[in-house]
Amino acid sequence: MAGRPICGEIHLTYPGDQLRSMLSLTSYLGSGRYRARYAGVRIPVTNVQPEQLDRVRDFAADLAERTRAEVIACRANSM
C-alpha cells in the first residue's frame, strides 16, 4: 500500500516558494502570529486559503466520519 493514502487525500497549494514557506513558519513559531514580512522578505499568509475552505471542510467531515465509524467498530469488536 506504499504511496496510497490511508484516509483519503487533499492537495492544497501555498502561494509562496519553499523559502517563503519556511520563513512564514519560522515567523509564526517564533511569535505566535502571522506577519506580512520576515527578515525583510514579504511572505504570504499560511493556512488554508479562502478558495480552499469548502474542499477542506468536506475532507475534514469525511475524515471525522471515518474515525467515528472506526471507533464504533473497535468498541464492538472488543466486547
PDB file of N, CA and C in Angstrom:
ATOM      1  N   MET A   1       0.821  -1.193   0.000  1.00  0.00           N
ATOM      2  CA  MET A   1       0.000   0.000   0.000  1.00  0.00           C
ATOM      3  C   MET A   1       0.867   1.259   0.000  1.00  0.00           C
ATOM      4  N   ALA A   2       2.137   1.105  -0.255  1.00  0.00           N
ATOM      5  CA  ALA A   2       3.031   2.256  -0.252  1.00  0.00           C
ATOM      6  C   ALA A   2       2.576   3.303  -1.262  1.00  0.00           C
ATOM      7  N   GLY A   3       2.616   4.555  -0.845  1.00  0.00           N
ATOM      8  CA  GLY A   3       2.250   5.633  -1.741  1.00  0.00           C
ATOM      9  C   GLY A   3       0.761   5.928  -1.828  1.00  0.00           C
ATOM     10  N   ARG A   4      -0.063   5.143  -1.159  1.00  0.00           N
ATOM     11  CA  ARG A   4      -1.508   5.380  -1.190  1.00  0.00           C
ATOM     12  C   ARG A   4      -1.957   5.926   0.156  1.00  0.00           C
ATOM     13  N   PRO A   5      -2.807   6.930   0.147  1.00  0.00           N
ATOM     14  CA  PRO A   5      -3.272   7.498   1.420  1.00  0.00           C
ATOM     15  C   PRO A   5      -4.182   6.521   2.162  1.00  0.00           C
ATOM     16  N   ILE A   6      -4.117   6.551   3.465  1.00  0.00           N
ATOM     17  CA  ILE A   6      -4.939   5.675   4.287  1.00  0.00           C
ATOM     18  C   ILE A   6      -6.348   6.240   4.440  1.00  0.00           C
ATOM     19  N   CYS A   7      -6.464   7.534   4.616  1.00  0.00           N
ATOM     20  CA  CYS A   7      -7.762   8.166   4.891  1.00  0.00           C
ATOM     21  C   CYS A   7      -8.168   9.159   3.819  1.00  0.00           C
ATOM     22  N   GLY A   8      -7.770   8.948   2.598  1.00  0.00           N
ATOM     23  CA  GLY A   8      -8.088   9.905   1.555  1.00  0.00           C
ATOM     24  C   GLY A   8      -6.951  10.893   1.409  1.00  0.00           C
ATOM     25  N   GLU A   9      -7.155  11.851   0.560  1.00  0.00           N
ATOM     26  CA  GLU A   9      -6.109  12.845   0.369  1.00  0.00           C
ATOM     27  C   GLU A   9      -6.706  14.160  -0.105  1.00  0.00           C
ATOM     28  N   ILE A  10      -5.951  15.201   0.118  1.00  0.00           N
ATOM     29  CA  ILE A  10      -6.327  16.515  -0.363  1.00  0.00           C
ATOM     30  C   ILE A  10      -5.027  17.237  -0.713  1.00  0.00           C
ATOM     31  N   HIS A  11      -5.050  17.955  -1.799  1.00  0.00           N
ATOM     32  CA  HIS A  11      -3.864  18.693  -2.228  1.00  0.00           C
ATOM     33  C   HIS A  11      -4.161  20.181  -2.135  1.00  0.00           C
ATOM     34  N   LEU A  12      -3.382  20.865  -1.319  1.00  0.00           N
ATOM     35  CA  LEU A  12      -3.530  22.305  -1.165  1.00  0.00           C
ATOM     36  C   LEU A  12      -2.233  22.961  -1.605  1.00  0.00           C
ATOM     37  N   THR A  13      -2.335  24.168  -2.073  1.00  0.00           N
ATOM     38  CA  THR A  13      -1.137  24.866  -2.509  1.00  0.00           C
ATOM     39  C   THR A  13      -0.867  26.058  -1.607  1.00  0.00           C
ATOM     40  N   TYR A  14       0.396  26.401  -1.505  1.00  0.00           N
ATOM     41  CA  TYR A  14       0.832  27.552  -0.738  1.00  0.00           C
ATOM     42  C   TYR A  14       1.226  28.634  -1.730  1.00  0.00           C
ATOM     43  N   PRO A  15       0.805  29.861  -1.536  1.00  0.00           N
ATOM     44  CA  PRO A  15       1.070  30.906  -2.523  1.00  0.00           C
ATOM     45  C   PRO A  15       2.498  31.467  -2.495  1.00  0.00           C
ATOM     46  N   GLY A  16       3.445  30.698  -2.022  1.00  0.00           N
ATOM     47  CA  GLY A  16       4.833  31.145  -1.980  1.00  0.00           C
ATOM     48  C   GLY A  16       5.759  30.000  -2.322  1.00  0.00           C
ATOM     49  N   ASP A  17       7.038  30.283  -2.396  1.00  0.00           N
ATOM     50  CA  ASP A  17       8.009  29.238  -2.669  1.00  0.00           C
ATOM     51  C   ASP A  17       8.479  28.614  -1.348  1.00  0.00           C
ATOM     52  N   GLN A  18       9.434  27.694  -1.429  1.00  0.00           N
ATOM     53  CA  GLN A  18       9.889  26.988  -0.232  1.00  0.00           C
ATOM     54  C   GLN A  18      10.535  27.930   0.781  1.00  0.00           C
ATOM     55  N   LEU A  19      11.291  28.892   0.313  1.00  0.00           N
ATOM     56  CA  LEU A  19      11.935  29.837   1.226  1.00  0.00           C
ATOM     57  C   LEU A  19      10.890  30.641   1.989  1.00  0.00           C
ATOM     58  N   ARG A  20       9.909  31.185   1.272  1.00  0.00           N
ATOM     59  CA  ARG A  20       8.869  31.980   1.935  1.00  0.00           C
ATOM     60  C   ARG A  20       8.013  31.114   2.863  1.00  0.00           C
ATOM     61  N   SER A  21       7.795  29.880   2.485  1.00  0.00           N
ATOM     62  CA  SER A  21       7.053  28.965   3.346  1.00  0.00           C
ATOM     63  C   SER A  21       7.809  28.745   4.653  1.00  0.00           C
ATOM     64  N   MET A  22       9.110  28.500   4.557  1.00  0.00           N
ATOM     65  CA  MET A  22       9.922  28.298   5.751  1.00  0.00           C
ATOM     66  C   MET A  22       9.969  29.559   6.606  1.00  0.00           C
ATOM     67  N   LEU A  23      10.107  30.714   5.957  1.00  0.00           N
ATOM     68  CA  LEU A  23      10.127  31.973   6.700  1.00  0.00           C
ATOM     69  C   LEU A  23       8.789  32.218   7.403  1.00  0.00           C
ATOM     70  N   SER A  24       7.710  31.900   6.734  1.00  0.00           N
ATOM     71  CA  SER A  24       6.396  32.085   7.329  1.00  0.00           C
ATOM     72  C   SER A  24       6.228  31.195   8.562  1.00  0.00           C
ATOM     73  N   LEU A  25       6.632  29.929   8.429  1.00  0.00           N
ATOM     74  CA  LEU A  25       6.544  29.009   9.567  1.00  0.00           C
ATOM     75  C   LEU A  25       7.447  29.472  10.705  1.00  0.00           C
ATOM     76  N   THR A  26       8.683  29.847  10.393  1.00  0.00           N
ATOM     77  CA  THR A  26       9.627  30.314  11.407  1.00  0.00           C
ATOM     78  C   THR A  26       9.088  31.552  12.121  1.00  0.00           C
ATOM     79  N   SER A  27       8.544  32.462  11.357  1.00  0.00           N
ATOM     80  CA  SER A  27       7.971  33.678  11.924  1.00  0.00           C
ATOM     81  C   SER A  27       6.820  33.342  12.872  1.00  0.00           C
ATOM     82  N   TYR A  28       5.932  32.455  12.423  1.00  0.00           N
ATOM     83  CA  TYR A  28       4.775  32.090  13.247  1.00  0.00           C
ATOM     84  C   TYR A  28       5.215  31.374  14.526  1.00  0.00           C
ATOM     85  N   LEU A  29       6.124  30.409  14.389  1.00  0.00           N
ATOM     86  CA  LEU A  29       6.561  29.670  15.572  1.00  0.00           C
ATOM     87  C   LEU A  29       7.291  30.571  16.558  1.00  0.00           C
ATOM     88  N   GLY A  30       7.990  31.569  16.065  1.00  0.00           N
ATOM     89  CA  GLY A  30       8.722  32.476  16.934  1.00  0.00           C
ATOM     90  C   GLY A  30       7.861  33.507  17.635  1.00  0.00           C
ATOM     91  N   SER A  31       6.773  33.904  16.981  1.00  0.00           N
ATOM     92  CA  SER A  31       5.972  34.997  17.551  1.00  0.00           C
ATOM     93  C   SER A  31       4.531  34.607  17.889  1.00  0.00           C
ATOM     94  N   GLY A  32       4.051  33.496  17.303  1.00  0.00           N
ATOM     95  CA  GLY A  32       2.673  33.094  17.542  1.00  0.00           C
ATOM     96  C   GLY A  32       1.665  33.887  16.728  1.00  0.00           C
ATOM     97  N   ARG A  33       2.162  34.630  15.743  1.00  0.00           N
ATOM     98  CA  ARG A  33       1.248  35.380  14.877  1.00  0.00           C
ATOM     99  C   ARG A  33       1.807  35.401  13.460  1.00  0.00           C
ATOM    100  N   TYR A  34       0.941  35.662  12.523  1.00  0.00           N
ATOM    101  CA  TYR A  34       1.351  35.746  11.125  1.00  0.00           C
ATOM    102  C   TYR A  34       1.785  37.164  10.815  1.00  0.00           C
ATOM    103  N   ARG A  35       2.860  37.289  10.091  1.00  0.00           N
ATOM    104  CA  ARG A  35       3.390  38.592   9.712  1.00  0.00           C
ATOM    105  C   ARG A  35       3.375  38.734   8.195  1.00  0.00           C
ATOM    106  N   ALA A  36       3.383  39.973   7.728  1.00  0.00           N
ATOM    107  CA  ALA A  36       3.457  40.226   6.288  1.00  0.00           C
ATOM    108  C   ALA A  36       4.898  40.119   5.795  1.00  0.00           C
ATOM    109  N   ARG A  37       5.861  40.343   6.705  1.00  0.00           N
ATOM    110  CA  ARG A  37       7.276  40.293   6.331  1.00  0.00           C
ATOM    111  C   ARG A  37       8.049  39.583   7.434  1.00  0.00           C
ATOM    112  N   TYR A  38       9.133  38.960   7.034  1.00  0.00           N
ATOM    113  CA  TYR A  38      10.046  38.340   7.997  1.00  0.00           C
ATOM    114  C   TYR A  38      11.455  38.547   7.475  1.00  0.00           C
ATOM    115  N   ALA A  39      12.326  39.063   8.310  1.00  0.00           N
ATOM    116  CA  ALA A  39      13.708  39.353   7.920  1.00  0.00           C
ATOM    117  C   ALA A  39      13.753  40.195   6.647  1.00  0.00           C
ATOM    118  N   GLY A  40      12.784  41.098   6.509  1.00  0.00           N
ATOM    119  CA  GLY A  40      12.729  41.983   5.359  1.00  0.00           C
ATOM    120  C   GLY A  40      12.135  41.380   4.095  1.00  0.00           C
ATOM    121  N   VAL A  41      11.747  40.107   4.151  1.00  0.00           N
ATOM    122  CA  VAL A  41      11.192  39.415   2.980  1.00  0.00           C
ATOM    123  C   VAL A  41       9.682  39.339   3.119  1.00  0.00           C
ATOM    124  N   ARG A  42       8.949  39.742   2.068  1.00  0.00           N
ATOM    125  CA  ARG A  42       7.488  39.636   2.067  1.00  0.00           C
ATOM    126  C   ARG A  42       7.096  38.171   2.028  1.00  0.00           C
ATOM    127  N   ILE A  43       6.219  37.757   2.948  1.00  0.00           N
ATOM    128  CA  ILE A  43       5.784  36.363   2.994  1.00  0.00           C
ATOM    129  C   ILE A  43       4.266  36.284   2.900  1.00  0.00           C
ATOM    130  N   PRO A  44       3.753  35.351   2.103  1.00  0.00           N
ATOM    131  CA  PRO A  44       2.307  35.155   2.024  1.00  0.00           C
ATOM    132  C   PRO A  44       1.774  34.556   3.326  1.00  0.00           C
ATOM    133  N   VAL A  45       0.507  34.732   3.562  1.00  0.00           N
ATOM    134  CA  VAL A  45      -0.145  34.153   4.733  1.00  0.00           C
ATOM    135  C   VAL A  45      -0.207  32.641   4.555  1.00  0.00           C
ATOM    136  N   THR A  46       0.066  31.928   5.632  1.00  0.00           N
ATOM    137  CA  THR A  46      -0.083  30.481   5.590  1.00  0.00           C
ATOM    138  C   THR A  46      -1.518  30.120   5.928  1.00  0.00           C
ATOM    139  N   ASN A  47      -1.764  28.878   6.086  1.00  0.00           N
ATOM    140  CA  ASN A  47      -3.093  28.331   6.379  1.00  0.00           C
ATOM    141  C   ASN A  47      -3.884  28.128   5.100  1.00  0.00           C
ATOM    142  N   VAL A  48      -5.048  27.610   5.259  1.00  0.00           N
ATOM    143  CA  VAL A  48      -5.932  27.333   4.142  1.00  0.00           C
ATOM    144  C   VAL A  48      -6.426  28.658   3.561  1.00  0.00           C
ATOM    145  N   GLN A  49      -6.384  28.747   2.266  1.00  0.00           N
ATOM    146  CA  GLN A  49      -6.825  29.949   1.571  1.00  0.00           C
ATOM    147  C   GLN A  49      -8.353  29.930   1.440  1.00  0.00           C
ATOM    148  N   PRO A  50      -8.990  31.086   1.337  1.00  0.00           N
ATOM    149  CA  PRO A  50     -10.457  31.149   1.278  1.00  0.00           C
ATOM    150  C   PRO A  50     -11.069  30.273   0.180  1.00  0.00           C
ATOM    151  N   GLU A  51     -10.432  30.202  -0.977  1.00  0.00           N
ATOM    152  CA  GLU A  51     -10.994  29.407  -2.068  1.00  0.00           C
ATOM    153  C   GLU A  51     -10.858  27.896  -1.830  1.00  0.00           C
ATOM    154  N   GLN A  52     -10.129  27.493  -0.783  1.00  0.00           N
ATOM    155  CA  GLN A  52      -9.944  26.075  -0.471  1.00  0.00           C
ATOM    156  C   GLN A  52     -10.860  25.597   0.653  1.00  0.00           C
ATOM    157  N   LEU A  53     -11.577  26.500   1.296  1.00  0.00           N
ATOM    158  CA  LEU A  53     -12.333  26.158   2.505  1.00  0.00           C
ATOM    159  C   LEU A  53     -13.363  25.050   2.305  1.00  0.00           C
ATOM    160  N   ASP A  54     -14.142  25.098   1.241  1.00  0.00           N
ATOM    161  CA  ASP A  54     -15.163  24.065   1.035  1.00  0.00           C
ATOM    162  C   ASP A  54     -14.542  22.682   0.893  1.00  0.00           C
ATOM    163  N   ARG A  55     -13.456  22.570   0.127  1.00  0.00           N
ATOM    164  CA  ARG A  55     -12.783  21.278  -0.040  1.00  0.00           C
ATOM    165  C   ARG A  55     -12.212  20.778   1.283  1.00  0.00           C
ATOM    166  N   VAL A  56     -11.638  21.687   2.061  1.00  0.00           N
ATOM    167  CA  VAL A  56     -11.059  21.303   3.349  1.00  0.00           C
ATOM    168  C   VAL A  56     -12.153  20.869   4.318  1.00  0.00           C
ATOM    169  N   ARG A  57     -13.263  21.581   4.335  1.00  0.00           N
ATOM    170  CA  ARG A  57     -14.376  21.202   5.224  1.00  0.00           C
ATOM    171  C   ARG A  57     -14.933  19.830   4.853  1.00  0.00           C
ATOM    172  N   ASP A  58     -15.094  19.578   3.563  1.00  0.00           N
ATOM    173  CA  ASP A  58     -15.583  18.263   3.119  1.00  0.00           C
ATOM    174  C   ASP A  58     -14.615  17.155   3.519  1.00  0.00           C
ATOM    175  N   PHE A  59     -13.319  17.398   3.321  1.00  0.00           N
ATOM    176  CA  PHE A  59     -12.308  16.413   3.690  1.00  0.00           C
ATOM    177  C   PHE A  59     -12.336  16.143   5.191  1.00  0.00           C
ATOM    178  N   ALA A  60     -12.403  17.214   5.990  1.00  0.00           N
ATOM    179  CA  ALA A  60     -12.425  17.067   7.446  1.00  0.00           C
ATOM    180  C   ALA A  60     -13.676  16.325   7.914  1.00  0.00           C
ATOM    181  N   ALA A  61     -14.822  16.620   7.320  1.00  0.00           N
ATOM    182  CA  ALA A  61     -16.062  15.937   7.705  1.00  0.00           C
ATOM    183  C   ALA A  61     -15.980  14.449   7.372  1.00  0.00           C
ATOM    184  N   ASP A  62     -15.430  14.121   6.201  1.00  0.00           N
ATOM    185  CA  ASP A  62     -15.273  12.722   5.808  1.00  0.00           C
ATOM    186  C   ASP A  62     -14.305  12.006   6.748  1.00  0.00           C
ATOM    187  N   LEU A  63     -13.203  12.657   7.073  1.00  0.00           N
ATOM    188  CA  LEU A  63     -12.225  12.072   7.985  1.00  0.00           C
ATOM    189  C   LEU A  63     -12.825  11.844   9.372  1.00  0.00           C
ATOM    190  N   ALA A  64     -13.593  12.808   9.860  1.00  0.00           N
ATOM    191  CA  ALA A  64     -14.236  12.668  11.167  1.00  0.00           C
ATOM    192  C   ALA A  64     -15.242  11.515  11.158  1.00  0.00           C
ATOM    193  N   GLU A  65     -16.015  11.384  10.089  1.00  0.00           N
ATOM    194  CA  GLU A  65     -16.988  10.293   9.997  1.00  0.00           C
ATOM    195  C   GLU A  65     -16.293   8.935   9.949  1.00  0.00           C
ATOM    196  N   ARG A  66     -15.219   8.843   9.181  1.00  0.00           N
ATOM    197  CA  ARG A  66     -14.465   7.579   9.118  1.00  0.00           C
ATOM    198  C   ARG A  66     -13.885   7.224  10.485  1.00  0.00           C
ATOM    199  N   THR A  67     -13.368   8.228  11.181  1.00  0.00           N
ATOM    200  CA  THR A  67     -12.800   7.996  12.510  1.00  0.00           C
ATOM    201  C   THR A  67     -13.878   7.531  13.476  1.00  0.00           C
ATOM    202  N   ARG A  68     -15.034   8.182  13.424  1.00  0.00           N
ATOM    203  CA  ARG A  68     -16.151   7.780  14.297  1.00  0.00           C
ATOM    204  C   ARG A  68     -16.556   6.342  14.019  1.00  0.00           C
ATOM    205  N   ALA A  69     -16.652   5.974  12.753  1.00  0.00           N
ATOM    206  CA  ALA A  69     -17.035   4.612  12.369  1.00  0.00           C
ATOM    207  C   ALA A  69     -15.989   3.596  12.842  1.00  0.00           C
ATOM    208  N   GLU A  70     -14.717   3.951  12.757  1.00  0.00           N
ATOM    209  CA  GLU A  70     -13.651   3.053  13.224  1.00  0.00           C
ATOM    210  C   GLU A  70     -13.719   2.846  14.727  1.00  0.00           C
ATOM    211  N   VAL A  71     -13.982   3.914  15.468  1.00  0.00           N
ATOM    212  CA  VAL A  71     -14.083   3.813  16.921  1.00  0.00           C
ATOM    213  C   VAL A  71     -15.249   2.910  17.295  1.00  0.00           C
ATOM    214  N   ILE A  72     -16.383   3.087  16.648  1.00  0.00           N
ATOM    215  CA  ILE A  72     -17.545   2.246  16.919  1.00  0.00           C
ATOM    216  C   ILE A  72     -17.219   0.780  16.601  1.00  0.00           C
ATOM    217  N   ALA A  73     -16.562   0.529  15.469  1.00  0.00           N
ATOM    218  CA  ALA A  73     -16.214  -0.833  15.090  1.00  0.00           C
ATOM    219  C   ALA A  73     -15.231  -1.449  16.094  1.00  0.00           C
ATOM    220  N   CYS A  74     -14.262  -0.686  16.542  1.00  0.00           N
ATOM    221  CA  CYS A  74     -13.292  -1.197  17.516  1.00  0.00           C
ATOM    222  C   CYS A  74     -13.967  -1.535  18.844  1.00  0.00           C
ATOM    223  N   ARG A  75     -14.881  -0.677  19.264  1.00  0.00           N
ATOM    224  CA  ARG A  75     -15.598  -0.942  20.522  1.00  0.00           C
ATOM    225  C   ARG A  75     -16.455  -2.191  20.388  1.00  0.00           C
ATOM    226  N   ALA A  76     -17.093  -2.356  19.262  1.00  0.00           N
ATOM    227  CA  ALA A  76     -17.940  -3.537  19.050  1.00  0.00           C
ATOM    228  C   ALA A  76     -17.111  -4.814  19.035  1.00  0.00           C
ATOM    229  N   ASN A  77     -15.926  -4.759  18.467  1.00  0.00           N
ATOM    230  CA  ASN A  77     -15.060  -5.930  18.393  1.00  0.00           C
ATOM    231  C   ASN A  77     -14.392  -6.273  19.726  1.00  0.00           C
ATOM    232  N   SER A  78     -14.303  -5.311  20.637  1.00  0.00           N
ATOM    233  CA  SER A  78     -13.635  -5.569  21.918  1.00  0.00           C
ATOM    234  C   SER A  78     -14.598  -6.081  22.980  1.00  0.00           C
ATOM    235  N   MET A  79     -15.869  -6.136  22.666  1.00  0.00           N
ATOM    236  CA  MET A  79     -16.843  -6.607  23.669  1.00  0.00           C
ATOM    237  C   MET A  79     -17.001  -8.089  23.623  1.00  0.00           C
TER     238      MET A  79
END
